[in-house]
Amino acid sequence: MGNKNTSEKKGKHLKGVACDVKNCAFHDGDSYCAANRIAVGPSYANSTGETVCATFKPKSL
């Protein structure tokens, strides 16, 4: 997960990956993720509430 190159480029939206985080730089404005790939963790998570999108990058204002 610590690899900063996992999502540096913005591309087409990832099919099947929904995202409602409108303040993320990779949000395409239509509830999709436009990062080249995503990273979700941590590896020891046991429930949805324990997971995070490590790809999240705040949108520049």
PDB file of N, CA and C in Angstrom:
ATOM      1  N   MET A   1       0.794  -1.194   0.000  1.00  0.00           N
ATOM      2  CA  MET A   1       0.000   0.000   0.000  1.00  0.00           C
ATOM      3  C   MET A   1       0.841   1.264   0.000  1.00  0.00           C
ATOM      4  N   GLY A   2       1.973   1.374   0.513  1.00  0.00           N
ATOM      5  CA  GLY A   2       2.698   2.606   0.639  1.00  0.00           C
ATOM      6  C   GLY A   2       3.240   3.159  -0.663  1.00  0.00           C
ATOM      7  N   ASN A   3       3.010   2.517  -1.792  1.00  0.00           N
ATOM      8  CA  ASN A   3       3.547   2.965  -3.068  1.00  0.00           C
ATOM      9  C   ASN A   3       2.801   4.182  -3.570  1.00  0.00           C
ATOM     10  N   LYS A   4       3.485   5.324  -3.678  1.00  0.00           N
ATOM     11  CA  LYS A   4       2.847   6.562  -4.093  1.00  0.00           C
ATOM     12  C   LYS A   4       2.542   6.593  -5.578  1.00  0.00           C
ATOM     13  N   ASN A   5       3.062   5.671  -6.372  1.00  0.00           N
ATOM     14  CA  ASN A   5       2.817   5.656  -7.804  1.00  0.00           C
ATOM     15  C   ASN A   5       1.560   4.887  -8.185  1.00  0.00           C
ATOM     16  N   THR A   6       0.792   4.392  -7.235  1.00  0.00           N
ATOM     17  CA  THR A   6      -0.372   3.579  -7.546  1.00  0.00           C
ATOM     18  C   THR A   6      -1.466   4.365  -8.230  1.00  0.00           C
ATOM     19  N   SER A   7      -1.489   5.687  -8.087  1.00  0.00           N
ATOM     20  CA  SER A   7      -2.618   6.430  -8.607  1.00  0.00           C
ATOM     21  C   SER A   7      -2.254   7.813  -9.110  1.00  0.00           C
ATOM     22  N   GLU A   8      -1.010   8.054  -9.445  1.00  0.00           N
ATOM     23  CA  GLU A   8      -0.573   9.395  -9.806  1.00  0.00           C
ATOM     24  C   GLU A   8      -1.233   9.929 -11.081  1.00  0.00           C
ATOM     25  N   LYS A   9      -1.632   9.088 -11.979  1.00  0.00           N
ATOM     26  CA  LYS A   9      -2.216   9.548 -13.231  1.00  0.00           C
ATOM     27  C   LYS A   9      -3.716   9.380 -13.211  1.00  0.00           C
ATOM     28  N   LYS A  10      -4.400  10.305 -13.853  1.00  0.00           N
ATOM     29  CA  LYS A  10      -5.845  10.213 -13.977  1.00  0.00           C
ATOM     30  C   LYS A  10      -6.168   9.719 -15.374  1.00  0.00           C
ATOM     31  N   GLY A  11      -6.975   8.683 -15.477  1.00  0.00           N
ATOM     32  CA  GLY A  11      -7.320   8.113 -16.772  1.00  0.00           C
ATOM     33  C   GLY A  11      -8.814   8.006 -16.929  1.00  0.00           C
ATOM     34  N   LYS A  12      -9.252   7.020 -17.704  1.00  0.00           N
ATOM     35  CA  LYS A  12     -10.675   6.741 -17.858  1.00  0.00           C
ATOM     36  C   LYS A  12     -11.182   6.130 -16.562  1.00  0.00           C
ATOM     37  N   HIS A  13     -12.484   6.184 -16.350  1.00  0.00           N
ATOM     38  CA  HIS A  13     -12.986   5.606 -15.107  1.00  0.00           C
ATOM     39  C   HIS A  13     -12.844   4.088 -15.110  1.00  0.00           C
ATOM     40  N   LEU A  14     -12.604   3.564 -13.918  1.00  0.00           N
ATOM     41  CA  LEU A  14     -12.438   2.128 -13.737  1.00  0.00           C
ATOM     42  C   LEU A  14     -13.813   1.466 -13.722  1.00  0.00           C
ATOM     43  N   LYS A  15     -14.064   0.581 -14.647  1.00  0.00           N
ATOM     44  CA  LYS A  15     -15.349  -0.104 -14.695  1.00  0.00           C
ATOM     45  C   LYS A  15     -15.570  -0.895 -13.419  1.00  0.00           C
ATOM     46  N   GLY A  16     -16.758  -0.787 -12.882  1.00  0.00           N
ATOM     47  CA  GLY A  16     -17.124  -1.535 -11.694  1.00  0.00           C
ATOM     48  C   GLY A  16     -16.656  -0.921 -10.390  1.00  0.00           C
ATOM     49  N   VAL A  17     -15.945   0.197 -10.436  1.00  0.00           N
ATOM     50  CA  VAL A  17     -15.473   0.850  -9.211  1.00  0.00           C
ATOM     51  C   VAL A  17     -16.255   2.142  -9.029  1.00  0.00           C
ATOM     52  N   ALA A  18     -17.208   2.123  -8.114  1.00  0.00           N
ATOM     53  CA  ALA A  18     -18.003   3.304  -7.815  1.00  0.00           C
ATOM     54  C   ALA A  18     -17.301   4.124  -6.745  1.00  0.00           C
ATOM     55  N   CYS A  19     -17.432   5.441  -6.836  1.00  0.00           N
ATOM     56  CA  CYS A  19     -16.841   6.323  -5.844  1.00  0.00           C
ATOM     57  C   CYS A  19     -17.735   7.538  -5.663  1.00  0.00           C
ATOM     58  N   ASP A  20     -18.089   7.825  -4.425  1.00  0.00           N
ATOM     59  CA  ASP A  20     -18.917   8.983  -4.111  1.00  0.00           C
ATOM     60  C   ASP A  20     -18.119  10.098  -3.451  1.00  0.00           C
ATOM     61  N   VAL A  21     -16.807   9.972  -3.380  1.00  0.00           N
ATOM     62  CA  VAL A  21     -15.960  10.956  -2.702  1.00  0.00           C
ATOM     63  C   VAL A  21     -15.630  12.084  -3.679  1.00  0.00           C
ATOM     64  N   LYS A  22     -16.508  13.066  -3.728  1.00  0.00           N
ATOM     65  CA  LYS A  22     -16.386  14.139  -4.717  1.00  0.00           C
ATOM     66  C   LYS A  22     -15.170  15.033  -4.514  1.00  0.00           C
ATOM     67  N   ASN A  23     -14.594  15.045  -3.326  1.00  0.00           N
ATOM     68  CA  ASN A  23     -13.414  15.877  -3.082  1.00  0.00           C
ATOM     69  C   ASN A  23     -12.108  15.128  -3.350  1.00  0.00           C
ATOM     70  N   CYS A  24     -12.177  13.966  -4.011  1.00  0.00           N
ATOM     71  CA  CYS A  24     -10.978  13.222  -4.399  1.00  0.00           C
ATOM     72  C   CYS A  24     -10.553  13.661  -5.800  1.00  0.00           C
ATOM     73  N   ALA A  25      -9.274  13.828  -6.011  1.00  0.00           N
ATOM     74  CA  ALA A  25      -8.743  14.246  -7.307  1.00  0.00           C
ATOM     75  C   ALA A  25      -9.076  13.246  -8.409  1.00  0.00           C
ATOM     76  N   PHE A  26      -9.368  12.005  -8.064  1.00  0.00           N
ATOM     77  CA  PHE A  26      -9.636  10.968  -9.057  1.00  0.00           C
ATOM     78  C   PHE A  26     -11.128  10.742  -9.299  1.00  0.00           C
ATOM     79  N   HIS A  27     -11.987  11.488  -8.611  1.00  0.00           N
ATOM     80  CA  HIS A  27     -13.433  11.387  -8.837  1.00  0.00           C
ATOM     81  C   HIS A  27     -13.729  12.027 -10.183  1.00  0.00           C
ATOM     82  N   ASP A  28     -14.426  11.304 -11.068  1.00  0.00           N
ATOM     83  CA  ASP A  28     -14.636  11.809 -12.426  1.00  0.00           C
ATOM     84  C   ASP A  28     -15.861  12.699 -12.567  1.00  0.00           C
ATOM     85  N   GLY A  29     -16.515  13.045 -11.461  1.00  0.00           N
ATOM     86  CA  GLY A  29     -17.695  13.902 -11.521  1.00  0.00           C
ATOM     87  C   GLY A  29     -18.972  13.139 -11.776  1.00  0.00           C
ATOM     88  N   ASP A  30     -18.870  11.839 -11.954  1.00  0.00           N
ATOM     89  CA  ASP A  30     -20.040  11.017 -12.263  1.00  0.00           C
ATOM     90  C   ASP A  30     -20.049   9.734 -11.426  1.00  0.00           C
ATOM     91  N   SER A  31     -19.559   9.816 -10.205  1.00  0.00           N
ATOM     92  CA  SER A  31     -19.535   8.699  -9.254  1.00  0.00           C
ATOM     93  C   SER A  31     -18.634   7.533  -9.659  1.00  0.00           C
ATOM     94  N   TYR A  32     -17.583   7.824 -10.409  1.00  0.00           N
ATOM     95  CA  TYR A  32     -16.605   6.802 -10.765  1.00  0.00           C
ATOM     96  C   TYR A  32     -15.206   7.233 -10.371  1.00  0.00           C
ATOM     97  N   CYS A  33     -14.307   6.270 -10.267  1.00  0.00           N
ATOM     98  CA  CYS A  33     -12.901   6.525  -9.969  1.00  0.00           C
ATOM     99  C   CYS A  33     -12.130   6.560 -11.287  1.00  0.00           C
ATOM    100  N   ALA A  34     -11.303   7.606 -11.467  1.00  0.00           N
ATOM    101  CA  ALA A  34     -10.540   7.745 -12.703  1.00  0.00           C
ATOM    102  C   ALA A  34      -9.033   7.557 -12.476  1.00  0.00           C
ATOM    103  N   ALA A  35      -8.654   6.961 -11.346  1.00  0.00           N
ATOM    104  CA  ALA A  35      -7.241   6.652 -11.111  1.00  0.00           C
ATOM    105  C   ALA A  35      -6.843   5.493 -12.016  1.00  0.00           C
ATOM    106  N   ASN A  36      -5.567   5.375 -12.321  1.00  0.00           N
ATOM    107  CA  ASN A  36      -5.106   4.248 -13.138  1.00  0.00           C
ATOM    108  C   ASN A  36      -5.334   2.926 -12.435  1.00  0.00           C
ATOM    109  N   ARG A  37      -5.225   2.913 -11.127  1.00  0.00           N
ATOM    110  CA  ARG A  37      -5.519   1.735 -10.316  1.00  0.00           C
ATOM    111  C   ARG A  37      -5.782   2.199  -8.902  1.00  0.00           C
ATOM    112  N   ILE A  38      -6.378   1.345  -8.095  1.00  0.00           N
ATOM    113  CA  ILE A  38      -6.672   1.721  -6.716  1.00  0.00           C
ATOM    114  C   ILE A  38      -5.974   0.778  -5.750  1.00  0.00           C
ATOM    115  N   ALA A  39      -5.781   1.284  -4.540  1.00  0.00           N
ATOM    116  CA  ALA A  39      -5.208   0.478  -3.460  1.00  0.00           C
ATOM    117  C   ALA A  39      -6.151   0.598  -2.260  1.00  0.00           C
ATOM    118  N   VAL A  40      -6.564  -0.534  -1.725  1.00  0.00           N
ATOM    119  CA  VAL A  40      -7.452  -0.567  -0.570  1.00  0.00           C
ATOM    120  C   VAL A  40      -6.807  -1.414   0.506  1.00  0.00           C
ATOM    121  N   GLY A  41      -6.908  -0.988   1.718  1.00  0.00           N
ATOM    122  CA  GLY A  41      -6.315  -1.730   2.823  1.00  0.00           C
ATOM    123  C   GLY A  41      -6.923  -1.259   4.123  1.00  0.00           C
ATOM    124  N   PRO A  42      -6.367  -1.588   5.215  1.00  0.00           N
ATOM    125  CA  PRO A  42      -5.145  -2.346   5.429  1.00  0.00           C
ATOM    126  C   PRO A  42      -5.373  -3.854   5.298  1.00  0.00           C
ATOM    127  N   SER A  43      -4.305  -4.588   5.255  1.00  0.00           N
ATOM    128  CA  SER A  43      -4.391  -6.027   5.028  1.00  0.00           C
ATOM    129  C   SER A  43      -5.037  -6.779   6.188  1.00  0.00           C
ATOM    130  N   TYR A  44      -5.081  -6.182   7.363  1.00  0.00           N
ATOM    131  CA  TYR A  44      -5.651  -6.868   8.527  1.00  0.00           C
ATOM    132  C   TYR A  44      -7.121  -6.523   8.763  1.00  0.00           C
ATOM    133  N   ALA A  45      -7.783  -5.835   7.841  1.00  0.00           N
ATOM    134  CA  ALA A  45      -9.183  -5.443   8.005  1.00  0.00           C
ATOM    135  C   ALA A  45     -10.091  -6.662   8.120  1.00  0.00           C
ATOM    136  N   ASN A  46     -11.096  -6.553   8.979  1.00  0.00           N
ATOM    137  CA  ASN A  46     -12.076  -7.621   9.170  1.00  0.00           C
ATOM    138  C   ASN A  46     -13.494  -7.182   8.819  1.00  0.00           C
ATOM    139  N   SER A  47     -13.669  -5.886   8.501  1.00  0.00           N
ATOM    140  CA  SER A  47     -14.996  -5.376   8.156  1.00  0.00           C
ATOM    141  C   SER A  47     -14.853  -4.164   7.242  1.00  0.00           C
ATOM    142  N   THR A  48     -15.944  -3.793   6.601  1.00  0.00           N
ATOM    143  CA  THR A  48     -15.949  -2.639   5.715  1.00  0.00           C
ATOM    144  C   THR A  48     -15.468  -1.385   6.436  1.00  0.00           C
ATOM    145  N   GLY A  49     -15.887  -1.203   7.677  1.00  0.00           N
ATOM    146  CA  GLY A  49     -15.524  -0.026   8.460  1.00  0.00           C
ATOM    147  C   GLY A  49     -14.038   0.076   8.754  1.00  0.00           C
ATOM    148  N   GLU A  50     -13.317  -0.990   8.613  1.00  0.00           N
ATOM    149  CA  GLU A  50     -11.877  -0.989   8.884  1.00  0.00           C
ATOM    150  C   GLU A  50     -11.045  -0.763   7.621  1.00  0.00           C
ATOM    151  N   THR A  51     -11.687  -0.637   6.471  1.00  0.00           N
ATOM    152  CA  THR A  51     -10.943  -0.453   5.232  1.00  0.00           C
ATOM    153  C   THR A  51     -10.861   1.020   4.849  1.00  0.00           C
ATOM    154  N   VAL A  52      -9.864   1.349   4.057  1.00  0.00           N
ATOM    155  CA  VAL A  52      -9.690   2.711   3.544  1.00  0.00           C
ATOM    156  C   VAL A  52      -9.199   2.643   2.102  1.00  0.00           C
ATOM    157  N   CYS A  53      -9.480   3.681   1.346  1.00  0.00           N
ATOM    158  CA  CYS A  53      -8.951   3.796  -0.008  1.00  0.00           C
ATOM    159  C   CYS A  53      -7.627   4.544   0.097  1.00  0.00           C
ATOM    160  N   ALA A  54      -6.547   3.842  -0.068  1.00  0.00           N
ATOM    161  CA  ALA A  54      -5.218   4.445   0.026  1.00  0.00           C
ATOM    162  C   ALA A  54      -4.907   5.276  -1.214  1.00  0.00           C
ATOM    163  N   THR A  55      -5.730   5.197  -2.234  1.00  0.00           N
ATOM    164  CA  THR A  55      -5.550   5.951  -3.459  1.00  0.00           C
ATOM    165  C   THR A  55      -6.038   7.389  -3.321  1.00  0.00           C
ATOM    166  N   PHE A  56      -6.898   7.656  -2.340  1.00  0.00           N
ATOM    167  CA  PHE A  56      -7.479   8.986  -2.159  1.00  0.00           C
ATOM    168  C   PHE A  56      -6.429  10.083  -2.177  1.00  0.00           C
ATOM    169  N   LYS A  57      -6.702  11.113  -2.948  1.00  0.00           N
ATOM    170  CA  LYS A  57      -5.841  12.291  -3.032  1.00  0.00           C
ATOM    171  C   LYS A  57      -6.780  13.488  -3.059  1.00  0.00           C
ATOM    172  N   PRO A  58      -6.630  14.442  -2.131  1.00  0.00           N
ATOM    173  CA  PRO A  58      -7.556  15.589  -2.116  1.00  0.00           C
ATOM    174  C   PRO A  58      -7.501  16.376  -3.431  1.00  0.00           C
ATOM    175  N   LYS A  59      -8.666  16.808  -3.864  1.00  0.00           N
ATOM    176  CA  LYS A  59      -8.753  17.603  -5.080  1.00  0.00           C
ATOM    177  C   LYS A  59      -8.174  18.984  -4.806  1.00  0.00           C
ATOM    178  N   SER A  60      -7.392  19.511  -5.714  1.00  0.00           N
ATOM    179  CA  SER A  60      -6.827  20.858  -5.573  1.00  0.00           C
ATOM    180  C   SER A  60      -7.932  21.874  -5.750  1.00  0.00           C
ATOM    181  N   LEU A  61      -7.918  22.884  -4.906  1.00  0.00           N
ATOM    182  CA  LEU A  61      -8.951  23.930  -5.008  1.00  0.00           C
ATOM    183  C   LEU A  61      -8.489  25.087  -5.837  1.00  0.00           C
TER     184      LEU A  61
END
